[in-house]
């Protein structure tokens, strides 16, 4: 098989990488671009650990072929924090103890960022519905929901 050259905007910077035609975006992010914050959980789109934002839309990177992102914009967990430190959403997760082992946390934060980008003031019901595609095996979802709602009330939108 021949490799493909892919050029994309990744976390605000233009990058080019080579990938196999069958390679997932998750594999390319972790193994080729060394961005290991995006986690592999289920490899079938059921857990949300590999969430990224692709052209403003939340997607499971395990279900997207790396070649499909040519010419598109991707935000991973590494792109959520700003030059001045953690994004307020990340700070809220820390302050609310909305994490334990950390495998699901990047996916929850990326999903929450995508939600707040679309709806800066979601209700608790909207947060729970939006995050329904993310699974956590360690902690209760209440702390995660509380962290998102507190970040929203603090104005943690498109930073």
C-alpha atoms as a PDB file:
ATOM      1  CA  UNK A   1       0.000   0.000   0.000  1.00  0.00           C
ATOM      2  CA  UNK A   2       1.117   3.501  -0.673  1.00  0.00           C
ATOM      3  CA  UNK A   3       1.129   6.203   1.959  1.00  0.00           C
ATOM      4  CA  UNK A   4      -0.886   9.374   1.618  1.00  0.00           C
ATOM      5  CA  UNK A   5       0.240  12.897   2.440  1.00  0.00           C
ATOM      6  CA  UNK A   6      -2.294  14.775   4.538  1.00  0.00           C
ATOM      7  CA  UNK A   7      -2.147  18.495   5.293  1.00  0.00           C
ATOM      8  CA  UNK A   8      -4.451  19.806   7.976  1.00  0.00           C
ATOM      9  CA  UNK A   9      -4.740  22.586  10.511  1.00  0.00           C
ATOM     10  CA  UNK A  10      -4.143  20.907  13.840  1.00  0.00           C
ATOM     11  CA  UNK A  11      -4.634  22.959  17.002  1.00  0.00           C
ATOM     12  CA  UNK A  12      -4.169  26.137  14.979  1.00  0.00           C
ATOM     13  CA  UNK A  13      -1.017  25.085  13.113  1.00  0.00           C
ATOM     14  CA  UNK A  14      -0.658  23.673   9.615  1.00  0.00           C
ATOM     15  CA  UNK A  15       0.838  20.186   9.675  1.00  0.00           C
ATOM     16  CA  UNK A  16       1.558  17.576   7.031  1.00  0.00           C
ATOM     17  CA  UNK A  17       1.905  13.891   7.815  1.00  0.00           C
ATOM     18  CA  UNK A  18       1.957  10.573   6.004  1.00  0.00           C
ATOM     19  CA  UNK A  19      -0.593   7.855   6.675  1.00  0.00           C
ATOM     20  CA  UNK A  20      -1.859   4.589   5.314  1.00  0.00           C
ATOM     21  CA  UNK A  21      -5.211   4.728   3.465  1.00  0.00           C
ATOM     22  CA  UNK A  22      -6.878   2.580   6.166  1.00  0.00           C
ATOM     23  CA  UNK A  23      -5.377   4.456   9.147  1.00  0.00           C
ATOM     24  CA  UNK A  24      -7.689   6.202  11.580  1.00  0.00           C
ATOM     25  CA  UNK A  25      -7.268   9.774  12.702  1.00  0.00           C
ATOM     26  CA  UNK A  26      -6.816   8.446  16.238  1.00  0.00           C
ATOM     27  CA  UNK A  27      -3.816   6.368  15.165  1.00  0.00           C
ATOM     28  CA  UNK A  28      -2.316   9.234  13.196  1.00  0.00           C
ATOM     29  CA  UNK A  29      -2.702  11.644  16.121  1.00  0.00           C
ATOM     30  CA  UNK A  30      -1.146   9.286  18.638  1.00  0.00           C
ATOM     31  CA  UNK A  31       1.475   7.416  16.602  1.00  0.00           C
ATOM     32  CA  UNK A  32       2.474   9.812  13.842  1.00  0.00           C
ATOM     33  CA  UNK A  33       1.923  13.244  15.388  1.00  0.00           C
ATOM     34  CA  UNK A  34       2.721  12.162  18.980  1.00  0.00           C
ATOM     35  CA  UNK A  35      -0.383  13.833  20.410  1.00  0.00           C
ATOM     36  CA  UNK A  36      -1.212  11.217  23.006  1.00  0.00           C
ATOM     37  CA  UNK A  37      -3.843  13.208  24.886  1.00  0.00           C
ATOM     38  CA  UNK A  38      -6.521  11.749  22.633  1.00  0.00           C
ATOM     39  CA  UNK A  39      -7.144   8.339  24.169  1.00  0.00           C
ATOM     40  CA  UNK A  40      -8.083   5.023  22.632  1.00  0.00           C
ATOM     41  CA  UNK A  41     -10.952   3.459  24.494  1.00  0.00           C
ATOM     42  CA  UNK A  42     -13.217   1.246  22.440  1.00  0.00           C
ATOM     43  CA  UNK A  43     -12.107   1.781  18.819  1.00  0.00           C
ATOM     44  CA  UNK A  44     -15.730   1.622  17.671  1.00  0.00           C
ATOM     45  CA  UNK A  45     -17.176   5.039  18.525  1.00  0.00           C
ATOM     46  CA  UNK A  46     -18.976   4.085  21.724  1.00  0.00           C
ATOM     47  CA  UNK A  47     -16.910   5.641  24.513  1.00  0.00           C
ATOM     48  CA  UNK A  48     -15.887   9.176  23.463  1.00  0.00           C
ATOM     49  CA  UNK A  49     -12.326   8.888  24.797  1.00  0.00           C
ATOM     50  CA  UNK A  50     -10.979   9.811  21.357  1.00  0.00           C
ATOM     51  CA  UNK A  51     -13.175  12.869  20.765  1.00  0.00           C
ATOM     52  CA  UNK A  52     -11.767  15.682  18.654  1.00  0.00           C
ATOM     53  CA  UNK A  53     -13.373  18.716  17.053  1.00  0.00           C
ATOM     54  CA  UNK A  54     -13.294  18.510  13.252  1.00  0.00           C
ATOM     55  CA  UNK A  55     -14.340  21.727  11.503  1.00  0.00           C
ATOM     56  CA  UNK A  56     -16.403  22.685  14.553  1.00  0.00           C
ATOM     57  CA  UNK A  57     -18.108  19.297  14.876  1.00  0.00           C
ATOM     58  CA  UNK A  58     -17.452  16.784  17.627  1.00  0.00           C
ATOM     59  CA  UNK A  59     -16.296  13.445  16.164  1.00  0.00           C
ATOM     60  CA  UNK A  60     -14.833  10.177  17.383  1.00  0.00           C
ATOM     61  CA  UNK A  61     -11.343  10.089  15.867  1.00  0.00           C
ATOM     62  CA  UNK A  62     -11.427   6.286  15.862  1.00  0.00           C
ATOM     63  CA  UNK A  63     -14.186   6.461  13.218  1.00  0.00           C
ATOM     64  CA  UNK A  64     -12.536   9.014  10.917  1.00  0.00           C
ATOM     65  CA  UNK A  65      -9.876   8.028   8.431  1.00  0.00           C
ATOM     66  CA  UNK A  66      -6.763  10.170   8.720  1.00  0.00           C
ATOM     67  CA  UNK A  67      -6.868  10.822   4.975  1.00  0.00           C
ATOM     68  CA  UNK A  68     -10.318  12.396   5.357  1.00  0.00           C
ATOM     69  CA  UNK A  69      -8.958  15.345   7.355  1.00  0.00           C
ATOM     70  CA  UNK A  70      -6.863  16.697   4.484  1.00  0.00           C
ATOM     71  CA  UNK A  71      -7.646  20.414   4.254  1.00  0.00           C
ATOM     72  CA  UNK A  72      -9.723  20.461   7.443  1.00  0.00           C
ATOM     73  CA  UNK A  73      -9.320  21.896  10.950  1.00  0.00           C
ATOM     74  CA  UNK A  74      -8.860  19.659  13.978  1.00  0.00           C
ATOM     75  CA  UNK A  75      -8.760  20.544  17.661  1.00  0.00           C
ATOM     76  CA  UNK A  76      -7.517  17.933  20.119  1.00  0.00           C
ATOM     77  CA  UNK A  77      -7.228  18.122  23.894  1.00  0.00           C
ATOM     78  CA  UNK A  78      -3.748  19.591  23.382  1.00  0.00           C
ATOM     79  CA  UNK A  79      -5.340  22.534  21.560  1.00  0.00           C
ATOM     80  CA  UNK A  80      -7.883  23.408  24.249  1.00  0.00           C
ATOM     81  CA  UNK A  81      -5.500  25.232  26.603  1.00  0.00           C
ATOM     82  CA  UNK A  82      -4.405  28.687  25.554  1.00  0.00           C
ATOM     83  CA  UNK A  83      -1.050  30.436  25.671  1.00  0.00           C
ATOM     84  CA  UNK A  84      -1.823  31.708  29.176  1.00  0.00           C
ATOM     85  CA  UNK A  85      -2.511  28.272  30.621  1.00  0.00           C
ATOM     86  CA  UNK A  86      -5.476  25.997  31.064  1.00  0.00           C
ATOM     87  CA  UNK A  87      -8.819  26.767  29.478  1.00  0.00           C
ATOM     88  CA  UNK A  88     -11.449  27.670  32.115  1.00  0.00           C
ATOM     89  CA  UNK A  89     -13.206  24.402  31.298  1.00  0.00           C
ATOM     90  CA  UNK A  90     -10.080  22.449  32.212  1.00  0.00           C
ATOM     91  CA  UNK A  91      -9.729  24.449  35.424  1.00  0.00           C
ATOM     92  CA  UNK A  92     -13.348  23.713  36.275  1.00  0.00           C
ATOM     93  CA  UNK A  93     -12.765  19.974  35.785  1.00  0.00           C
ATOM     94  CA  UNK A  94      -9.842  20.172  38.216  1.00  0.00           C
ATOM     95  CA  UNK A  95     -11.685  22.281  40.782  1.00  0.00           C
ATOM     96  CA  UNK A  96     -14.719  19.978  40.706  1.00  0.00           C
ATOM     97  CA  UNK A  97     -12.668  16.758  40.854  1.00  0.00           C
ATOM     98  CA  UNK A  98     -14.382  15.717  37.624  1.00  0.00           C
ATOM     99  CA  UNK A  99     -11.772  13.087  36.828  1.00  0.00           C
ATOM    100  CA  UNK A 100     -10.092  10.060  38.273  1.00  0.00           C
ATOM    101  CA  UNK A 101      -7.965   7.776  36.103  1.00  0.00           C
ATOM    102  CA  UNK A 102      -7.881  10.273  33.228  1.00  0.00           C
ATOM    103  CA  UNK A 103      -8.593   7.970  30.280  1.00  0.00           C
ATOM    104  CA  UNK A 104     -11.990   9.529  29.561  1.00  0.00           C
ATOM    105  CA  UNK A 105     -11.162  13.061  30.717  1.00  0.00           C
ATOM    106  CA  UNK A 106      -9.725  14.425  27.439  1.00  0.00           C
ATOM    107  CA  UNK A 107     -12.779  13.185  25.555  1.00  0.00           C
ATOM    108  CA  UNK A 108     -15.137  14.763  28.083  1.00  0.00           C
ATOM    109  CA  UNK A 109     -13.281  18.081  27.955  1.00  0.00           C
ATOM    110  CA  UNK A 110     -13.214  18.155  24.146  1.00  0.00           C
ATOM    111  CA  UNK A 111     -16.917  17.252  24.019  1.00  0.00           C
ATOM    112  CA  UNK A 112     -17.708  19.912  26.620  1.00  0.00           C
ATOM    113  CA  UNK A 113     -15.745  22.514  24.661  1.00  0.00           C
ATOM    114  CA  UNK A 114     -17.690  21.616  21.514  1.00  0.00           C
ATOM    115  CA  UNK A 115     -20.935  22.012  23.463  1.00  0.00           C
ATOM    116  CA  UNK A 116     -19.987  25.398  24.914  1.00  0.00           C
ATOM    117  CA  UNK A 117     -18.881  26.591  21.480  1.00  0.00           C
ATOM    118  CA  UNK A 118     -22.376  25.833  20.170  1.00  0.00           C
ATOM    119  CA  UNK A 119     -24.357  26.648  23.308  1.00  0.00           C
ATOM    120  CA  UNK A 120     -22.546  28.897  25.815  1.00  0.00           C
ATOM    121  CA  UNK A 121     -25.274  28.543  28.467  1.00  0.00           C
ATOM    122  CA  UNK A 122     -26.566  24.958  28.372  1.00  0.00           C
ATOM    123  CA  UNK A 123     -29.004  23.561  30.884  1.00  0.00           C
ATOM    124  CA  UNK A 124     -28.088  20.549  32.991  1.00  0.00           C
ATOM    125  CA  UNK A 125     -30.300  18.412  30.770  1.00  0.00           C
ATOM    126  CA  UNK A 126     -28.523  19.682  27.637  1.00  0.00           C
ATOM    127  CA  UNK A 127     -25.101  18.936  29.145  1.00  0.00           C
ATOM    128  CA  UNK A 128     -26.152  15.415  30.103  1.00  0.00           C
ATOM    129  CA  UNK A 129     -27.614  14.795  26.647  1.00  0.00           C
ATOM    130  CA  UNK A 130     -24.526  16.172  24.869  1.00  0.00           C
ATOM    131  CA  UNK A 131     -22.143  14.073  26.976  1.00  0.00           C
ATOM    132  CA  UNK A 132     -24.183  10.877  26.641  1.00  0.00           C
ATOM    133  CA  UNK A 133     -21.653   9.579  24.097  1.00  0.00           C
ATOM    134  CA  UNK A 134     -18.857   9.673  26.665  1.00  0.00           C
ATOM    135  CA  UNK A 135     -18.317   6.823  29.076  1.00  0.00           C
ATOM    136  CA  UNK A 136     -16.501   6.959  32.384  1.00  0.00           C
ATOM    137  CA  UNK A 137     -15.806   3.842  34.397  1.00  0.00           C
ATOM    138  CA  UNK A 138     -14.270   5.519  37.462  1.00  0.00           C
ATOM    139  CA  UNK A 139     -16.256   8.504  38.680  1.00  0.00           C
ATOM    140  CA  UNK A 140     -19.775   9.829  38.815  1.00  0.00           C
ATOM    141  CA  UNK A 141     -21.083  11.939  36.015  1.00  0.00           C
ATOM    142  CA  UNK A 142     -22.480  14.545  38.408  1.00  0.00           C
ATOM    143  CA  UNK A 143     -19.044  16.098  38.985  1.00  0.00           C
ATOM    144  CA  UNK A 144     -18.434  16.264  35.247  1.00  0.00           C
ATOM    145  CA  UNK A 145     -21.797  17.907  34.611  1.00  0.00           C
ATOM    146  CA  UNK A 146     -21.203  20.327  37.485  1.00  0.00           C
ATOM    147  CA  UNK A 147     -17.795  21.263  36.032  1.00  0.00           C
ATOM    148  CA  UNK A 148     -19.303  22.023  32.611  1.00  0.00           C
ATOM    149  CA  UNK A 149     -22.126  24.076  34.105  1.00  0.00           C
ATOM    150  CA  UNK A 150     -19.711  26.070  36.292  1.00  0.00           C
ATOM    151  CA  UNK A 151     -17.437  26.738  33.326  1.00  0.00           C
ATOM    152  CA  UNK A 152     -20.441  27.894  31.315  1.00  0.00           C
ATOM    153  CA  UNK A 153     -21.608  30.223  34.081  1.00  0.00           C
ATOM    154  CA  UNK A 154     -18.072  31.668  34.227  1.00  0.00           C
ATOM    155  CA  UNK A 155     -18.212  32.413  30.502  1.00  0.00           C
ATOM    156  CA  UNK A 156     -15.842  29.652  29.292  1.00  0.00           C
ATOM    157  CA  UNK A 157     -16.779  29.807  25.643  1.00  0.00           C
ATOM    158  CA  UNK A 158     -14.635  30.119  22.524  1.00  0.00           C
ATOM    159  CA  UNK A 159     -11.345  30.819  24.253  1.00  0.00           C
END
